[in-house]
């Protein structure tokens, strides 16, 4: 099953002092296992562009539209046996401690 993994900042990071493994190690391990299909950091929220269509008109807004202290910093696409494996992989990502991780299964279109 494939999962989209949102890597986001968080206003309340883990303060236990356990930083876990470096991001380069996490990437290398999951690339080697074949559980990481793709992933990358995203540019700053100041580089974001919001696109909406209202009453047939395309409205483009520079920068973040919502006011939030948390923002998506990156993503990974995972290919896992099940949700338990995806959780295990996500829990080892450095941002699971310094930020937060959201796992979302891909829509398969089979009525799930």
N, C-alpha and C. Protein backbone atom coordinates (compact mmCIF):
# COMPACT_ATOMS: atom_id res chain seq x y z
N UNK A 1 0.85 -1.17 0.00
CA UNK A 1 0.00 0.00 0.00
C UNK A 1 0.89 1.24 0.00
N UNK A 2 0.51 2.22 -0.77
CA UNK A 2 1.29 3.46 -0.82
C UNK A 2 0.69 4.51 0.10
N UNK A 3 1.60 5.25 0.73
CA UNK A 3 1.22 6.33 1.65
C UNK A 3 1.94 7.60 1.25
N UNK A 4 1.23 8.71 1.33
CA UNK A 4 1.85 10.02 1.19
C UNK A 4 2.17 10.46 2.61
N UNK A 5 3.41 10.83 2.85
CA UNK A 5 3.84 11.21 4.17
C UNK A 5 4.14 12.71 4.17
N UNK A 6 3.27 13.49 4.81
CA UNK A 6 3.50 14.92 4.96
C UNK A 6 4.48 15.12 6.12
N UNK A 7 5.53 15.86 5.89
CA UNK A 7 6.51 16.19 6.92
C UNK A 7 6.27 17.65 7.27
N UNK A 8 5.84 17.91 8.50
CA UNK A 8 5.43 19.26 8.87
C UNK A 8 6.13 19.74 10.14
N UNK A 9 6.19 21.05 10.27
CA UNK A 9 6.71 21.65 11.49
C UNK A 9 5.65 21.52 12.58
N UNK A 10 6.05 21.78 13.80
CA UNK A 10 5.13 21.69 14.92
C UNK A 10 5.57 22.70 15.97
N UNK A 11 4.63 23.35 16.62
CA UNK A 11 4.97 24.34 17.63
C UNK A 11 5.38 23.69 18.95
N UNK A 12 5.18 22.38 19.09
CA UNK A 12 5.54 21.69 20.33
C UNK A 12 6.40 20.47 20.01
N UNK A 13 7.69 20.68 19.66
CA UNK A 13 8.56 19.54 19.36
C UNK A 13 8.91 18.74 20.60
N UNK A 14 9.41 17.52 20.39
CA UNK A 14 9.89 16.67 21.48
C UNK A 14 11.11 17.33 22.11
N UNK A 15 11.13 17.43 23.40
CA UNK A 15 12.25 18.07 24.10
C UNK A 15 13.03 17.08 24.96
N UNK A 16 12.90 15.78 24.66
CA UNK A 16 13.56 14.75 25.47
C UNK A 16 15.06 14.71 25.25
N UNK A 17 15.55 15.32 24.17
CA UNK A 17 16.97 15.27 23.88
C UNK A 17 17.35 14.15 22.93
N UNK A 18 16.44 13.21 22.67
CA UNK A 18 16.69 12.12 21.74
C UNK A 18 16.39 12.61 20.33
N UNK A 19 17.43 12.88 19.57
CA UNK A 19 17.24 13.40 18.22
C UNK A 19 17.04 12.31 17.18
N UNK A 20 17.21 11.05 17.57
CA UNK A 20 17.04 9.96 16.61
C UNK A 20 18.16 9.94 15.59
N UNK A 21 17.87 9.40 14.42
CA UNK A 21 18.88 9.27 13.37
C UNK A 21 18.87 10.50 12.47
N UNK A 22 20.00 10.79 11.82
CA UNK A 22 20.03 11.92 10.87
C UNK A 22 19.15 11.63 9.64
N UNK A 23 18.66 12.66 9.02
CA UNK A 23 17.77 12.52 7.87
C UNK A 23 18.45 11.73 6.75
N UNK A 24 19.75 11.95 6.55
CA UNK A 24 20.46 11.23 5.49
C UNK A 24 20.42 9.72 5.73
N UNK A 25 20.53 9.31 6.97
CA UNK A 25 20.46 7.88 7.31
C UNK A 25 19.05 7.34 7.09
N UNK A 26 18.04 8.10 7.49
CA UNK A 26 16.65 7.68 7.30
C UNK A 26 16.37 7.48 5.81
N UNK A 27 16.80 8.44 4.98
CA UNK A 27 16.58 8.34 3.53
C UNK A 27 17.31 7.12 2.98
N UNK A 28 18.58 6.95 3.33
CA UNK A 28 19.37 5.83 2.81
C UNK A 28 18.76 4.48 3.21
N UNK A 29 18.34 4.35 4.47
CA UNK A 29 17.74 3.09 4.93
C UNK A 29 16.47 2.75 4.16
N UNK A 30 15.62 3.73 3.96
CA UNK A 30 14.34 3.46 3.31
C UNK A 30 14.48 3.33 1.80
N UNK A 31 15.46 4.01 1.20
CA UNK A 31 15.74 3.79 -0.21
C UNK A 31 16.25 2.36 -0.42
N UNK A 32 17.13 1.91 0.47
CA UNK A 32 17.69 0.56 0.38
C UNK A 32 16.60 -0.50 0.56
N UNK A 33 15.68 -0.28 1.50
CA UNK A 33 14.58 -1.22 1.76
C UNK A 33 13.54 -1.21 0.64
N UNK A 34 13.53 -0.15 -0.15
CA UNK A 34 12.54 -0.01 -1.20
C UNK A 34 11.20 0.51 -0.70
N UNK A 35 11.19 1.04 0.53
CA UNK A 35 9.94 1.56 1.10
C UNK A 35 9.74 3.04 0.81
N UNK A 36 10.78 3.71 0.33
CA UNK A 36 10.67 5.14 -0.02
C UNK A 36 10.76 5.27 -1.53
N UNK A 37 9.66 5.70 -2.13
CA UNK A 37 9.60 5.84 -3.59
C UNK A 37 10.16 7.18 -4.03
N UNK A 38 9.81 8.23 -3.31
CA UNK A 38 10.25 9.59 -3.65
C UNK A 38 10.09 10.46 -2.42
N UNK A 39 10.72 11.62 -2.45
CA UNK A 39 10.56 12.57 -1.36
C UNK A 39 11.52 13.73 -1.53
N UNK A 40 11.19 14.83 -0.90
CA UNK A 40 12.06 16.00 -0.96
C UNK A 40 11.58 17.06 0.02
N UNK A 41 12.46 18.01 0.28
CA UNK A 41 12.08 19.19 1.06
C UNK A 41 11.30 20.12 0.14
N UNK A 42 10.51 20.97 0.74
CA UNK A 42 9.79 21.99 -0.02
C UNK A 42 10.41 23.35 0.29
N UNK A 43 10.28 24.26 -0.66
CA UNK A 43 10.76 25.62 -0.44
C UNK A 43 9.92 26.28 0.65
N UNK A 44 10.38 27.40 1.14
CA UNK A 44 9.74 28.13 2.23
C UNK A 44 8.30 28.52 1.88
N UNK A 45 7.47 28.70 2.90
CA UNK A 45 6.07 29.08 2.67
C UNK A 45 5.95 30.43 1.98
N UNK A 46 6.99 31.26 2.07
CA UNK A 46 6.96 32.54 1.36
C UNK A 46 6.97 32.34 -0.16
N UNK A 47 7.41 31.17 -0.61
CA UNK A 47 7.43 30.87 -2.04
C UNK A 47 6.15 30.17 -2.51
N UNK A 48 5.20 30.00 -1.62
CA UNK A 48 3.96 29.30 -1.96
C UNK A 48 3.07 30.18 -2.84
N UNK A 49 2.28 29.54 -3.66
CA UNK A 49 1.28 30.21 -4.49
C UNK A 49 -0.04 29.48 -4.31
N UNK A 50 -1.06 30.20 -3.97
CA UNK A 50 -2.39 29.64 -3.79
C UNK A 50 -3.20 29.91 -5.05
N UNK A 51 -3.84 28.87 -5.58
CA UNK A 51 -4.66 29.01 -6.79
C UNK A 51 -6.08 28.56 -6.45
N UNK A 52 -7.04 29.42 -6.74
CA UNK A 52 -8.46 29.12 -6.54
C UNK A 52 -9.23 29.58 -7.77
N UNK A 53 -10.35 28.95 -8.03
CA UNK A 53 -11.26 29.42 -9.07
C UNK A 53 -12.59 29.71 -8.40
N UNK A 54 -13.06 30.94 -8.58
CA UNK A 54 -14.33 31.38 -8.01
C UNK A 54 -15.11 32.09 -9.10
N UNK A 55 -16.34 31.64 -9.32
CA UNK A 55 -17.20 32.22 -10.35
C UNK A 55 -16.50 32.30 -11.70
N UNK A 56 -15.72 31.24 -12.02
CA UNK A 56 -15.05 31.16 -13.31
C UNK A 56 -13.77 31.97 -13.42
N UNK A 57 -13.39 32.69 -12.36
CA UNK A 57 -12.18 33.51 -12.39
C UNK A 57 -11.08 32.83 -11.58
N UNK A 58 -9.89 32.76 -12.17
CA UNK A 58 -8.73 32.20 -11.48
C UNK A 58 -8.12 33.28 -10.59
N UNK A 59 -8.02 32.96 -9.30
CA UNK A 59 -7.47 33.89 -8.32
C UNK A 59 -6.15 33.31 -7.82
N UNK A 60 -5.08 34.08 -7.96
CA UNK A 60 -3.75 33.64 -7.54
C UNK A 60 -3.27 34.54 -6.41
N UNK A 61 -2.85 33.93 -5.31
CA UNK A 61 -2.38 34.68 -4.15
C UNK A 61 -0.96 34.23 -3.84
N UNK A 62 -0.05 35.17 -3.68
CA UNK A 62 1.32 34.85 -3.30
C UNK A 62 1.39 34.53 -1.82
N UNK A 63 2.30 33.62 -1.48
CA UNK A 63 2.56 33.30 -0.09
C UNK A 63 1.45 32.48 0.54
N UNK A 64 1.61 32.15 1.79
CA UNK A 64 0.60 31.32 2.46
C UNK A 64 -0.70 32.09 2.64
N UNK A 65 -1.79 31.39 2.47
CA UNK A 65 -3.09 32.02 2.62
C UNK A 65 -3.59 31.91 4.05
N UNK A 66 -3.36 30.75 4.66
CA UNK A 66 -3.82 30.56 6.03
C UNK A 66 -2.76 31.05 7.00
N UNK A 67 -3.19 31.51 8.12
CA UNK A 67 -2.25 31.93 9.14
C UNK A 67 -2.05 30.77 10.09
N UNK A 68 -0.87 30.20 10.05
CA UNK A 68 -0.57 29.03 10.85
C UNK A 68 0.89 29.05 11.25
N UNK A 69 1.18 28.55 12.43
CA UNK A 69 2.57 28.44 12.87
C UNK A 69 3.17 27.13 12.38
N UNK A 70 2.34 26.24 11.87
CA UNK A 70 2.79 24.95 11.36
C UNK A 70 2.65 24.96 9.84
N UNK A 71 3.60 24.34 9.15
CA UNK A 71 3.54 24.28 7.70
C UNK A 71 4.23 23.02 7.21
N UNK A 72 3.85 22.58 6.04
CA UNK A 72 4.43 21.39 5.45
C UNK A 72 5.83 21.73 4.95
N UNK A 73 6.82 20.98 5.41
CA UNK A 73 8.22 21.25 5.08
C UNK A 73 8.74 20.29 4.01
N UNK A 74 8.06 19.18 3.82
CA UNK A 74 8.52 18.20 2.85
C UNK A 74 7.53 17.06 2.74
N UNK A 75 7.91 16.07 1.95
CA UNK A 75 7.03 14.92 1.74
C UNK A 75 7.86 13.71 1.37
N UNK A 76 7.26 12.55 1.54
CA UNK A 76 7.81 11.30 1.06
C UNK A 76 6.65 10.43 0.61
N UNK A 77 6.89 9.62 -0.39
CA UNK A 77 5.92 8.62 -0.82
C UNK A 77 6.47 7.28 -0.40
N UNK A 78 5.70 6.56 0.40
CA UNK A 78 6.13 5.28 0.93
C UNK A 78 5.36 4.14 0.29
N UNK A 79 6.00 3.00 0.15
CA UNK A 79 5.35 1.78 -0.31
C UNK A 79 5.57 0.74 0.78
N UNK A 80 4.52 0.44 1.53
CA UNK A 80 4.63 -0.39 2.73
C UNK A 80 3.66 -1.57 2.68
N UNK A 81 3.95 -2.58 3.47
CA UNK A 81 3.06 -3.74 3.58
C UNK A 81 1.69 -3.31 4.10
N UNK A 82 1.74 -2.43 5.12
CA UNK A 82 0.51 -2.02 5.79
C UNK A 82 0.77 -0.74 6.59
N UNK A 83 -0.26 -0.29 7.27
CA UNK A 83 -0.15 0.94 8.06
C UNK A 83 0.88 0.80 9.17
N UNK A 84 0.99 -0.37 9.78
CA UNK A 84 1.96 -0.57 10.85
C UNK A 84 3.39 -0.32 10.36
N UNK A 85 3.73 -0.81 9.17
CA UNK A 85 5.06 -0.57 8.63
C UNK A 85 5.24 0.92 8.33
N UNK A 86 4.23 1.58 7.79
CA UNK A 86 4.32 3.02 7.51
C UNK A 86 4.53 3.81 8.80
N UNK A 87 3.86 3.43 9.87
CA UNK A 87 4.04 4.10 11.17
C UNK A 87 5.45 3.90 11.68
N UNK A 88 5.98 2.68 11.55
CA UNK A 88 7.35 2.39 12.01
C UNK A 88 8.34 3.26 11.25
N UNK A 89 8.17 3.38 9.95
CA UNK A 89 9.06 4.20 9.13
C UNK A 89 8.93 5.67 9.51
N UNK A 90 7.71 6.16 9.64
CA UNK A 90 7.48 7.57 9.98
C UNK A 90 8.03 7.90 11.36
N UNK A 91 7.94 6.98 12.30
CA UNK A 91 8.40 7.26 13.66
C UNK A 91 9.91 7.41 13.74
N UNK A 92 10.64 6.90 12.75
CA UNK A 92 12.10 7.03 12.73
C UNK A 92 12.55 8.30 12.01
N UNK A 93 11.65 8.99 11.33
CA UNK A 93 12.00 10.23 10.63
C UNK A 93 12.33 11.31 11.66
N UNK A 94 13.41 12.06 11.46
CA UNK A 94 13.77 13.09 12.45
C UNK A 94 12.65 14.09 12.75
N UNK A 95 11.82 14.40 11.77
CA UNK A 95 10.75 15.37 12.03
C UNK A 95 9.61 14.78 12.85
N UNK A 96 9.62 13.48 13.11
CA UNK A 96 8.64 12.92 14.04
C UNK A 96 8.91 13.46 15.45
N UNK A 97 10.16 13.87 15.69
CA UNK A 97 10.53 14.44 16.98
C UNK A 97 10.49 15.97 16.95
N UNK A 98 10.98 16.56 15.88
CA UNK A 98 11.06 18.02 15.80
C UNK A 98 9.83 18.67 15.20
N UNK A 99 9.00 17.87 14.59
CA UNK A 99 7.79 18.37 13.94
C UNK A 99 6.67 17.36 14.10
N UNK A 100 6.04 17.05 12.99
CA UNK A 100 5.00 16.03 13.01
C UNK A 100 4.91 15.40 11.63
N UNK A 101 4.42 14.19 11.60
CA UNK A 101 4.29 13.43 10.36
C UNK A 101 2.83 13.04 10.19
N UNK A 102 2.29 13.25 9.01
CA UNK A 102 0.95 12.78 8.70
C UNK A 102 1.06 11.74 7.59
N UNK A 103 0.49 10.57 7.83
CA UNK A 103 0.46 9.51 6.83
C UNK A 103 -0.94 9.46 6.24
N UNK A 104 -1.00 9.42 4.92
CA UNK A 104 -2.31 9.33 4.28
C UNK A 104 -2.22 8.31 3.15
N UNK A 105 -3.07 7.26 3.19
CA UNK A 105 -3.03 6.27 2.11
C UNK A 105 -3.51 6.87 0.80
N UNK A 106 -2.93 6.37 -0.29
CA UNK A 106 -3.37 6.79 -1.61
C UNK A 106 -4.77 6.24 -1.86
N UNK A 107 -5.57 7.02 -2.55
CA UNK A 107 -6.91 6.59 -2.94
C UNK A 107 -6.75 5.58 -4.07
N UNK A 108 -7.31 4.40 -3.90
CA UNK A 108 -7.17 3.38 -4.92
C UNK A 108 -8.36 3.33 -5.85
N UNK A 109 -9.44 4.03 -5.51
CA UNK A 109 -10.61 4.06 -6.36
C UNK A 109 -11.46 2.81 -6.30
N UNK A 110 -11.17 1.94 -5.34
CA UNK A 110 -11.92 0.69 -5.26
C UNK A 110 -13.00 0.73 -4.19
N UNK A 111 -13.46 1.92 -3.87
CA UNK A 111 -14.56 2.06 -2.90
C UNK A 111 -14.12 2.06 -1.45
N UNK A 112 -12.83 2.17 -1.20
CA UNK A 112 -12.36 2.19 0.20
C UNK A 112 -12.86 3.41 0.92
